[in-house]
C-alpha atoms as a PDB file:
ATOM      1  CA  MET A   1     226.837  31.788 267.107  1.00  0.00           C
ATOM      2  CA  LYS A   2     226.575  32.539 271.311  1.00  0.00           C
ATOM      3  CA  ILE A   3     223.229  34.861 271.561  1.00  0.00           C
ATOM      4  CA  PHE A   4     221.543  36.496 274.418  1.00  0.00           C
ATOM      5  CA  LEU A   5     217.629  36.854 274.164  1.00  0.00           C
ATOM      6  CA  ALA A   6     216.453  39.442 275.857  1.00  0.00           C
ATOM      7  CA  GLY A   7     212.468  38.224 276.519  1.00  0.00           C
ATOM      8  CA  ALA A   8     213.087  34.579 275.610  1.00  0.00           C
ATOM      9  CA  GLY A   9     209.878  34.473 277.720  1.00  0.00           C
ATOM     10  CA  GLY A  10     207.084  36.288 275.464  1.00  0.00           C
ATOM     11  CA  ALA A  11     205.446  34.824 272.572  1.00  0.00           C
ATOM     12  CA  VAL A  12     207.934  34.842 269.961  1.00  0.00           C
ATOM     13  CA  GLY A  13     210.877  34.046 272.513  1.00  0.00           C
ATOM     14  CA  ARG A  14     209.281  31.459 273.201  1.00  0.00           C
ATOM     15  CA  ARG A  15     209.274  30.043 269.571  1.00  0.00           C
ATOM     16  CA  LEU A  16     212.298  31.415 268.591  1.00  0.00           C
ATOM     17  CA  VAL A  17     214.354  29.136 271.845  1.00  0.00           C
ATOM     18  CA  PRO A  18     213.807  26.132 269.562  1.00  0.00           C
ATOM     19  CA  MET A  19     214.913  27.485 266.439  1.00  0.00           C
ATOM     20  CA  LEU A  20     218.007  29.154 267.665  1.00  0.00           C
ATOM     21  CA  VAL A  21     218.979  25.477 269.672  1.00  0.00           C
ATOM     22  CA  ALA A  22     218.039  23.723 266.478  1.00  0.00           C
ATOM     23  CA  ALA A  23     220.260  25.943 264.264  1.00  0.00           C
ATOM     24  CA  GLY A  24     223.574  25.372 266.703  1.00  0.00           C
ATOM     25  CA  HIS A  25     223.483  28.669 268.592  1.00  0.00           C
ATOM     26  CA  GLU A  26     224.321  28.989 271.891  1.00  0.00           C
ATOM     27  CA  VAL A  27     221.555  30.515 273.968  1.00  0.00           C
ATOM     28  CA  VAL A  28     221.260  32.172 276.749  1.00  0.00           C
ATOM     29  CA  GLY A  29     217.661  33.670 277.429  1.00  0.00           C
ATOM     30  CA  THR A  30     216.345  36.380 279.605  1.00  0.00           C
ATOM     31  CA  SER A  31     212.715  35.756 282.051  1.00  0.00           C
ATOM     32  CA  ARG A  32     210.863  38.118 284.579  1.00  0.00           C
ATOM     33  CA  SER A  33     209.452  35.107 286.064  1.00  0.00           C
ATOM     34  CA  GLU A  34     210.709  31.679 287.273  1.00  0.00           C
ATOM     35  CA  ALA A  35     208.680  29.870 285.360  1.00  0.00           C
ATOM     36  CA  GLY A  36     209.524  31.627 282.078  1.00  0.00           C
ATOM     37  CA  ALA A  37     212.826  30.709 283.102  1.00  0.00           C
ATOM     38  CA  ARG A  38     212.020  27.246 283.396  1.00  0.00           C
ATOM     39  CA  ARG A  39     210.969  27.252 280.104  1.00  0.00           C
ATOM     40  CA  VAL A  40     213.666  28.768 278.613  1.00  0.00           C
ATOM     41  CA  ARG A  41     215.505  26.088 279.941  1.00  0.00           C
ATOM     42  CA  GLU A  42     213.564  23.852 278.927  1.00  0.00           C
ATOM     43  CA  THR A  43     213.530  24.373 275.104  1.00  0.00           C
ATOM     44  CA  GLY A  44     217.535  24.241 275.608  1.00  0.00           C
ATOM     45  CA  ALA A  45     218.856  27.783 276.591  1.00  0.00           C
ATOM     46  CA  GLU A  46     220.633  28.818 279.403  1.00  0.00           C
ATOM     47  CA  PRO A  47     217.903  31.258 281.756  1.00  0.00           C
ATOM     48  CA  VAL A  48     218.640  34.228 283.337  1.00  0.00           C
ATOM     49  CA  ARG A  49     215.821  35.731 285.300  1.00  0.00           C
ATOM     50  CA  LEU A  50     215.963  39.497 285.398  1.00  0.00           C
ATOM     51  CA  ASP A  51     213.922  42.778 284.657  1.00  0.00           C
ATOM     52  CA  ALA A  52     215.603  44.647 281.508  1.00  0.00           C
ATOM     53  CA  LEU A  53     214.340  48.005 283.492  1.00  0.00           C
ATOM     54  CA  ASP A  54     217.201  46.800 286.127  1.00  0.00           C
ATOM     55  CA  ALA A  55     219.611  48.478 284.003  1.00  0.00           C
ATOM     56  CA  PRO A  56     222.810  46.773 285.959  1.00  0.00           C
ATOM     57  CA  ALA A  57     221.777  43.460 286.359  1.00  0.00           C
ATOM     58  CA  LEU A  58     221.004  43.447 282.552  1.00  0.00           C
ATOM     59  CA  ARG A  59     224.052  44.620 282.001  1.00  0.00           C
ATOM     60  CA  ASP A  60     226.084  41.983 284.376  1.00  0.00           C
ATOM     61  CA  ALA A  61     224.258  39.485 282.341  1.00  0.00           C
ATOM     62  CA  VAL A  62     225.107  40.708 278.830  1.00  0.00           C
ATOM     63  CA  LEU A  63     228.942  41.213 279.958  1.00  0.00           C
ATOM     64  CA  ALA A  64     228.702  37.278 281.368  1.00  0.00           C
ATOM     65  CA  ALA A  65     227.152  35.731 278.217  1.00  0.00           C
ATOM     66  CA  ARG A  66     229.674  37.572 276.161  1.00  0.00           C
ATOM     67  CA  PRO A  67     227.202  36.999 272.850  1.00  0.00           C
ATOM     68  CA  ASP A  68     227.930  37.424 269.339  1.00  0.00           C
ATOM     69  CA  ALA A  69     224.814  39.004 269.287  1.00  0.00           C
ATOM     70  CA  VAL A  70     221.728  40.200 271.156  1.00  0.00           C
ATOM     71  CA  LEU A  71     217.982  39.875 270.065  1.00  0.00           C
ATOM     72  CA  HIS A  72     215.664  41.900 270.900  1.00  0.00           C
ATOM     73  CA  GLN A  73     212.331  40.556 272.060  1.00  0.00           C
ATOM     74  CA  LEU A  74     211.105  42.278 274.887  1.00  0.00           C
ATOM     75  CA  THR A  75     207.171  43.487 275.438  1.00  0.00           C
ATOM     76  CA  ASP A  76     205.143  43.849 278.086  1.00  0.00           C
ATOM     77  CA  LEU A  77     201.653  42.518 277.435  1.00  0.00           C
ATOM     78  CA  SER A  78     200.284  40.440 279.344  1.00  0.00           C
ATOM     79  CA  ALA A  79     198.073  43.202 281.187  1.00  0.00           C
ATOM     80  CA  ALA A  80     197.167  45.424 278.101  1.00  0.00           C
ATOM     81  CA  ASP A  81     198.971  48.571 279.617  1.00  0.00           C
ATOM     82  CA  GLY A  82     199.881  50.621 276.580  1.00  0.00           C
ATOM     83  CA  ALA A  83     202.234  53.380 279.174  1.00  0.00           C
ATOM     84  CA  ALA A  84     204.394  50.187 280.462  1.00  0.00           C
ATOM     85  CA  ASN A  85     204.603  48.494 276.905  1.00  0.00           C
ATOM     86  CA  SER A  86     206.270  51.870 276.027  1.00  0.00           C
ATOM     87  CA  ARG A  87     208.200  52.339 279.060  1.00  0.00           C
ATOM     88  CA  LEU A  88     209.913  48.894 278.118  1.00  0.00           C
ATOM     89  CA  ARG A  89     210.529  49.774 274.325  1.00  0.00           C
ATOM     90  CA  ARG A  90     212.259  52.874 275.752  1.00  0.00           C
ATOM     91  CA  LEU A  91     213.894  52.202 279.070  1.00  0.00           C
ATOM     92  CA  GLY A  92     214.475  48.123 277.960  1.00  0.00           C
ATOM     93  CA  THR A  93     216.136  48.886 274.233  1.00  0.00           C
ATOM     94  CA  ARG A  94     218.050  51.858 275.999  1.00  0.00           C
ATOM     95  CA  ASN A  95     219.652  49.169 279.088  1.00  0.00           C
ATOM     96  CA  LEU A  96     219.951  46.314 276.409  1.00  0.00           C
ATOM     97  CA  VAL A  97     221.904  48.862 273.858  1.00  0.00           C
ATOM     98  CA  ASP A  98     224.041  49.781 276.700  1.00  0.00           C
ATOM     99  CA  ALA A  99     224.702  46.535 277.770  1.00  0.00           C
ATOM    100  CA  ALA A 100     225.450  45.293 274.410  1.00  0.00           C
ATOM    101  CA  ARG A 101     227.724  48.006 273.167  1.00  0.00           C
ATOM    102  CA  ALA A 102     229.575  47.295 277.038  1.00  0.00           C
ATOM    103  CA  ALA A 103     229.826  43.916 275.607  1.00  0.00           C
ATOM    104  CA  GLY A 104     231.546  44.842 272.437  1.00  0.00           C
ATOM    105  CA  VAL A 105     228.552  43.905 270.313  1.00  0.00           C
ATOM    106  CA  THR A 106     227.783  45.286 267.314  1.00  0.00           C
ATOM    107  CA  ARG A 107     224.753  43.320 266.113  1.00  0.00           C
ATOM    108  CA  ILE A 108     221.157  43.477 267.216  1.00  0.00           C
ATOM    109  CA  VAL A 109     217.843  42.495 265.819  1.00  0.00           C
ATOM    110  CA  ALA A 110     214.915  44.206 267.229  1.00  0.00           C
ATOM    111  CA  GLN A 111     211.229  43.410 267.515  1.00  0.00           C
ATOM    112  CA  SER A 112     209.202  46.601 266.712  1.00  0.00           C
ATOM    113  CA  ILE A 113     206.059  46.781 264.806  1.00  0.00           C
ATOM    114  CA  SER A 114     204.434  47.782 261.104  1.00  0.00           C
ATOM    115  CA  TRP A 115     201.039  49.436 261.986  1.00  0.00           C
ATOM    116  CA  VAL A 116     203.293  52.765 262.849  1.00  0.00           C
ATOM    117  CA  TYR A 117     203.382  54.245 258.893  1.00  0.00           C
ATOM    118  CA  GLY A 118     201.987  57.569 258.365  1.00  0.00           C
ATOM    119  CA  GLY A 119     199.142  57.519 256.155  1.00  0.00           C
ATOM    120  CA  GLY A 120     199.161  56.779 252.318  1.00  0.00           C
ATOM    121  CA  GLU A 121     197.350  54.527 249.801  1.00  0.00           C
ATOM    122  CA  GLY A 122     198.635  50.640 249.589  1.00  0.00           C
ATOM    123  CA  PRO A 123     200.328  48.721 251.698  1.00  0.00           C
ATOM    124  CA  ALA A 124     203.433  50.496 253.619  1.00  0.00           C
ATOM    125  CA  THR A 125     207.155  50.289 252.291  1.00  0.00           C
ATOM    126  CA  GLU A 126     210.386  50.391 254.450  1.00  0.00           C
ATOM    127  CA  ALA A 127     211.189  53.804 252.961  1.00  0.00           C
ATOM    128  CA  GLU A 128     208.076  55.300 254.289  1.00  0.00           C
ATOM    129  CA  PRO A 129     207.990  57.505 257.394  1.00  0.00           C
ATOM    130  CA  LEU A 130     206.238  56.494 260.727  1.00  0.00           C
ATOM    131  CA  ASP A 131     203.716  58.488 261.762  1.00  0.00           C
ATOM    132  CA  LEU A 132     204.891  60.708 264.242  1.00  0.00           C
ATOM    133  CA  ASP A 133     202.613  63.356 264.285  1.00  0.00           C
ATOM    134  CA  ALA A 134     200.178  61.314 264.873  1.00  0.00           C
ATOM    135  CA  PRO A 135     196.964  63.078 267.437  1.00  0.00           C
ATOM    136  CA  ALA A 136     196.630  61.023 270.579  1.00  0.00           C
ATOM    137  CA  PRO A 137     196.975  58.606 271.722  1.00  0.00           C
ATOM    138  CA  ARG A 138     198.404  57.116 269.275  1.00  0.00           C
ATOM    139  CA  ASP A 139     201.381  59.463 269.361  1.00  0.00           C
ATOM    140  CA  ALA A 140     202.837  57.944 272.517  1.00  0.00           C
ATOM    141  CA  MET A 141     202.857  54.211 270.783  1.00  0.00           C
ATOM    142  CA  VAL A 142     204.532  55.419 267.487  1.00  0.00           C
ATOM    143  CA  GLY A 143     206.988  57.587 269.622  1.00  0.00           C
ATOM    144  CA  ALA A 144     207.936  54.937 271.704  1.00  0.00           C
ATOM    145  CA  VAL A 145     208.673  52.438 268.365  1.00  0.00           C
ATOM    146  CA  ALA A 146     210.739  55.402 266.702  1.00  0.00           C
ATOM    147  CA  GLU A 147     212.587  55.759 270.170  1.00  0.00           C
ATOM    148  CA  LEU A 148     213.307  51.765 270.436  1.00  0.00           C
ATOM    149  CA  GLU A 149     214.281  51.918 266.563  1.00  0.00           C
ATOM    150  CA  ARG A 150     216.734  54.674 267.141  1.00  0.00           C
ATOM    151  CA  ILE A 151     218.348  53.353 269.942  1.00  0.00           C
ATOM    152  CA  ALA A 152     218.597  50.001 268.402  1.00  0.00           C
ATOM    153  CA  GLY A 153     220.206  51.871 265.637  1.00  0.00           C
ATOM    154  CA  GLU A 154     222.994  53.312 267.668  1.00  0.00           C
ATOM    155  CA  LEU A 155     224.360  49.302 267.091  1.00  0.00           C
ATOM    156  CA  PRO A 156     225.973  49.373 263.642  1.00  0.00           C
ATOM    157  CA  GLU A 157     224.514  46.595 262.531  1.00  0.00           C
ATOM    158  CA  ALA A 158     221.042  46.823 263.905  1.00  0.00           C
ATOM    159  CA  VAL A 159     218.165  44.933 261.976  1.00  0.00           C
ATOM    160  CA  VAL A 160     214.891  46.181 263.139  1.00  0.00           C
ATOM    161  CA  LEU A 161     211.712  43.536 261.876  1.00  0.00           C
ATOM    162  CA  ARG A 162     208.436  45.553 261.941  1.00  0.00           C
ATOM    163  CA  ASN A 163     205.969  42.757 262.729  1.00  0.00           C
ATOM    164  CA  GLY A 164     202.248  42.319 261.561  1.00  0.00           C
ATOM    165  CA  LEU A 165     199.808  41.702 264.219  1.00  0.00           C
ATOM    166  CA  LEU A 166     200.903  38.525 266.077  1.00  0.00           C
ATOM    167  CA  TYR A 167     198.232  35.366 265.784  1.00  0.00           C
ATOM    168  CA  GLY A 168     199.538  31.948 266.924  1.00  0.00           C
ATOM    169  CA  PRO A 169     200.059  30.232 270.341  1.00  0.00           C
ATOM    170  CA  GLY A 170     200.721  32.641 272.996  1.00  0.00           C
ATOM    171  CA  THR A 171     199.358  35.738 271.263  1.00  0.00           C
ATOM    172  CA  TRP A 172     195.775  37.527 271.735  1.00  0.00           C
ATOM    173  CA  TYR A 173     194.287  36.262 268.138  1.00  0.00           C
ATOM    174  CA  ALA A 174     194.767  32.289 270.009  1.00  0.00           C
ATOM    175  CA  PRO A 175     192.237  30.317 271.246  1.00  0.00           C
ATOM    176  CA  GLY A 176     191.448  31.484 274.605  1.00  0.00           C
ATOM    177  CA  GLY A 177     193.435  34.745 274.295  1.00  0.00           C
ATOM    178  CA  PRO A 178     191.316  38.133 274.481  1.00  0.00           C
ATOM    179  CA  VAL A 179     190.352  38.732 270.854  1.00  0.00           C
ATOM    180  CA  ALA A 180     188.518  35.691 271.382  1.00  0.00           C
ATOM    181  CA  ALA A 181     186.921  37.303 274.715  1.00  0.00           C
ATOM    182  CA  ALA A 182     186.287  40.932 272.914  1.00  0.00           C
ATOM    183  CA  LEU A 183     184.174  39.145 270.457  1.00  0.00           C
ATOM    184  CA  ARG A 184     182.414  37.112 272.775  1.00  0.00           C
ATOM    185  CA  GLY A 185     181.316  40.183 274.292  1.00  0.00           C
ATOM    186  CA  GLU A 186     183.442  40.000 277.144  1.00  0.00           C
ATOM    187  CA  ASP A 187     186.165  42.231 278.124  1.00  0.00           C
ATOM    188  CA  GLY A 188     189.170  42.049 276.168  1.00  0.00           C
ATOM    189  CA  GLY A 189     191.154  44.948 277.788  1.00  0.00           C
ATOM    190  CA  PRO A 190     191.348  48.816 276.484  1.00  0.00           C
ATOM    191  CA  TYR A 191     193.602  48.247 273.207  1.00  0.00           C
ATOM    192  CA  LEU A 192     190.297  45.915 271.975  1.00  0.00           C
ATOM    193  CA  ALA A 193     187.655  48.323 272.870  1.00  0.00           C
ATOM    194  CA  GLY A 194     187.287  49.472 269.635  1.00  0.00           C
ATOM    195  CA  LEU A 195     187.621  45.917 267.395  1.00  0.00           C
ATOM    196  CA  THR A 196     185.174  46.095 264.749  1.00  0.00           C
ATOM    197  CA  ALA A 197     184.326  45.265 261.282  1.00  0.00           C
ATOM    198  CA  ASN A 198     185.195  48.189 259.354  1.00  0.00           C
ATOM    199  CA  ALA A 199     187.566  48.997 256.340  1.00  0.00           C
ATOM    200  CA  GLY A 200     190.825  49.498 258.359  1.00  0.00           C
ATOM    201  CA  VAL A 201     193.707  47.762 256.976  1.00  0.00           C
ATOM    202  CA  ALA A 202     195.814  45.434 258.994  1.00  0.00           C
ATOM    203  CA  SER A 203     198.675  42.828 258.284  1.00  0.00           C
ATOM    204  CA  PHE A 204     199.270  39.687 260.391  1.00  0.00           C
ATOM    205  CA  VAL A 205     201.890  37.230 260.734  1.00  0.00           C
ATOM    206  CA  HIS A 206     201.983  33.952 262.363  1.00  0.00           C
ATOM    207  CA  VAL A 207     204.632  33.959 265.623  1.00  0.00           C
ATOM    208  CA  ASP A 208     206.457  31.488 264.245  1.00  0.00           C
ATOM    209  CA  ASP A 209     207.060  32.954 260.925  1.00  0.00           C
ATOM    210  CA  ALA A 210     207.853  36.118 263.130  1.00  0.00           C
ATOM    211  CA  ALA A 211     210.217  34.096 265.273  1.00  0.00           C
ATOM    212  CA  GLY A 212     211.975  32.208 261.777  1.00  0.00           C
ATOM    213  CA  ALA A 213     212.726  35.999 260.770  1.00  0.00           C
ATOM    214  CA  VAL A 214     214.401  36.485 263.795  1.00  0.00           C
ATOM    215  CA  LEU A 215     216.913  33.959 262.802  1.00  0.00           C
ATOM    216  CA  THR A 216     217.095  34.273 259.362  1.00  0.00           C
ATOM    217  CA  ALA A 217     217.897  38.021 260.094  1.00  0.00           C
ATOM    218  CA  LEU A 218     221.080  37.376 261.971  1.00  0.00           C
ATOM    219  CA  GLU A 219     222.688  37.510 258.363  1.00  0.00           C
ATOM    220  CA  TRP A 220     220.997  40.562 257.111  1.00  0.00           C
ATOM    221  CA  PRO A 221     222.443  44.118 256.664  1.00  0.00           C
ATOM    222  CA  ALA A 222     221.279  46.845 258.492  1.00  0.00           C
ATOM    223  CA  GLY A 223     217.586  48.485 259.017  1.00  0.00           C
ATOM    224  CA  PRO A 224     214.344  47.720 258.974  1.00  0.00           C
ATOM    225  CA  VAL A 225     212.217  45.071 257.177  1.00  0.00           C
ATOM    226  CA  ASN A 226     208.244  44.308 257.500  1.00  0.00           C
ATOM    227  CA  ILE A 227     207.718  40.913 258.944  1.00  0.00           C
ATOM    228  CA  VAL A 228     203.823  40.334 257.397  1.00  0.00           C
ATOM    229  CA  ASP A 229     202.275  37.604 255.520  1.00  0.00           C
ATOM    230  CA  ASP A 230     201.255  38.176 251.684  1.00  0.00           C
ATOM    231  CA  GLU A 231     197.272  39.579 252.661  1.00  0.00           C
ATOM    232  CA  PRO A 232     196.956  43.000 254.066  1.00  0.00           C
ATOM    233  CA  ALA A 233     193.507  42.907 254.383  1.00  0.00           C
ATOM    234  CA  PRO A 234     190.266  45.556 256.039  1.00  0.00           C
ATOM    235  CA  ALA A 235     188.749  43.862 259.084  1.00  0.00           C
ATOM    236  CA  ALA A 236     185.392  43.284 257.722  1.00  0.00           C
ATOM    237  CA  ALA A 237     187.248  40.418 256.026  1.00  0.00           C
ATOM    238  CA  TRP A 238     189.796  38.913 258.264  1.00  0.00           C
ATOM    239  CA  LEU A 239     187.489  39.606 261.618  1.00  0.00           C
ATOM    240  CA  PRO A 240     184.676  36.830 260.618  1.00  0.00           C
ATOM    241  CA  VAL A 241     187.594  34.940 259.584  1.00  0.00           C
ATOM    242  CA  LEU A 242     188.974  34.800 262.975  1.00  0.00           C
ATOM    243  CA  ALA A 243     185.990  34.819 264.697  1.00  0.00           C
ATOM    244  CA  SER A 244     184.753  31.400 263.018  1.00  0.00           C
ATOM    245  CA  ALA A 245     188.123  29.973 263.900  1.00  0.00           C
ATOM    246  CA  LEU A 246     188.000  30.679 267.124  1.00  0.00           C
ATOM    247  CA  GLY A 247     184.028  29.628 268.022  1.00  0.00           C
ATOM    248  CA  ALA A 248     182.789  33.205 268.590  1.00  0.00           C
ATOM    249  CA  PRO A 249     180.018  35.511 266.643  1.00  0.00           C
ATOM    250  CA  ALA A 250     181.216  37.839 263.922  1.00  0.00           C
ATOM    251  CA  PRO A 251     180.464  41.437 264.541  1.00  0.00           C
ATOM    252  CA  ALA A 252     178.081  43.043 262.299  1.00  0.00           C
ATOM    253  CA  PRO A 253     179.826  44.960 259.262  1.00  0.00           C
ATOM    254  CA  SER A 254     180.999  48.884 260.358  1.00  0.00           C
ATOM    255  CA  GLY A 255     181.007  51.894 258.041  1.00  0.00           C
ATOM    256  CA  ALA A 256     182.971  53.472 260.740  1.00  0.00           C
ATOM    257  CA  PRO A 257     185.577  55.229 257.598  1.00  0.00           C
ATOM    258  CA  PRO A 258     189.374  53.705 258.739  1.00  0.00           C
ATOM    259  CA  ALA A 259     192.245  55.835 260.065  1.00  0.00           C
ATOM    260  CA  ARG A 260     194.563  56.522 257.086  1.00  0.00           C
ATOM    261  CA  TRP A 261     197.454  54.682 258.792  1.00  0.00           C
ATOM    262  CA  GLU A 262     195.433  51.234 258.669  1.00  0.00           C
ATOM    263  CA  ARG A 263     196.807  50.188 255.180  1.00  0.00           C
ATOM    264  CA  GLY A 264     198.758  47.389 256.212  1.00  0.00           C
ATOM    265  CA  ALA A 265     202.788  46.704 255.261  1.00  0.00           C
ATOM    266  CA  SER A 266     204.591  44.855 252.190  1.00  0.00           C
ATOM    267  CA  ASN A 267     206.470  42.036 252.879  1.00  0.00           C
ATOM    268  CA  ALA A 268     208.575  42.273 249.821  1.00  0.00           C
ATOM    269  CA  ARG A 269     212.022  43.117 250.962  1.00  0.00           C
ATOM    270  CA  ALA A 270     211.584  40.485 253.641  1.00  0.00           C
ATOM    271  CA  ARG A 271     211.071  38.489 250.687  1.00  0.00           C
ATOM    272  CA  ALA A 272     213.944  39.846 248.689  1.00  0.00           C
ATOM    273  CA  LEU A 273     216.485  38.994 251.771  1.00  0.00           C
ATOM    274  CA  GLY A 274     215.351  35.265 251.491  1.00  0.00           C
ATOM    275  CA  TRP A 275     212.355  35.251 254.266  1.00  0.00           C
ATOM    276  CA  ALA A 276     208.931  33.886 253.253  1.00  0.00           C
ATOM    277  CA  PRO A 277     206.052  32.668 255.673  1.00  0.00           C
ATOM    278  CA  ALA A 278     205.227  29.684 256.210  1.00  0.00           C
ATOM    279  CA  ARG A 279     201.542  31.093 256.447  1.00  0.00           C
ATOM    280  CA  PRO A 280     200.928  33.471 253.212  1.00  0.00           C
ATOM    281  CA  THR A 281     197.917  34.592 254.600  1.00  0.00           C
ATOM    282  CA  TRP A 282     195.473  35.059 257.871  1.00  0.00           C
ATOM    283  CA  ARG A 283     192.237  33.048 255.860  1.00  0.00           C
ATOM    284  CA  THR A 284     194.221  29.424 256.495  1.00  0.00           C
ATOM    285  CA  GLY A 285     196.524  30.561 259.116  1.00  0.00           C
ATOM    286  CA  PHE A 286     194.027  31.364 261.702  1.00  0.00           C
ATOM    287  CA  ALA A 287     192.705  28.191 261.681  1.00  0.00           C
ATOM    288  CA  ASP A 288     195.944  26.509 261.584  1.00  0.00           C
ATOM    289  CA  GLN A 289     195.768  27.835 265.269  1.00  0.00           C
ATOM    290  CA  LEU A 290     193.539  24.924 266.165  1.00  0.00           C
ATOM    291  CA  ARG A 291     195.753  22.628 265.031  1.00  0.00           C
END
């Protein structure tokens, strides 16, 4: 299959390109930087250097590639700028879907997130609504994700992968990353200012498992799928384990009540479709980052 991978230089994209190539796919991958384009080439794909916010350039690249499927792995997280990431989710997705439609592509696999569901009891399933009535500042993030998913859904074969919190190489939770800095009392950026060991539940997924899900999803029916490990857990449980793996001090337990949306997500649908995480729990997965 001919694949156009938008965001080949990102955390998931870098792990995904070798998987696609090993599976026999021909890959054209985008990156915004020259260094990223070199990495794309080194992993066996044809690089295209462009910014997904440049609609004409993206359209030309997709038309030239003539792909069978488009993979959307676009993010803008390096500066922990939520507004920039939301803009890319909205405008980058718009540009990518328009380019795919112009090239006659009907299948897209798009990266989304799993912590956008509304409040409820137990891990969220794909049948539950997004938290569109969330208060600020969460409303901006949820709104951008909803728009990403809506635009991707304009293509008839759109699979949306709602990833858990990514850990592993190239992520915020890797050794030397901003979470480790925040645990050491350094500036981890605005997203991590409230990192506390409270009762709020999160779901994780290793970046390699997330990349593997993209590869598998090329054959899945349209719709959203949670890509998370088997153990949603409160920060009071997972944060000390992560701190130990990173060689950082564990924060003191917090009595702050969790938000209703901090409930984690279920991977039952992904498992029914044939995906299973190689690292089924963060309990052992966090330590795997050091190997």
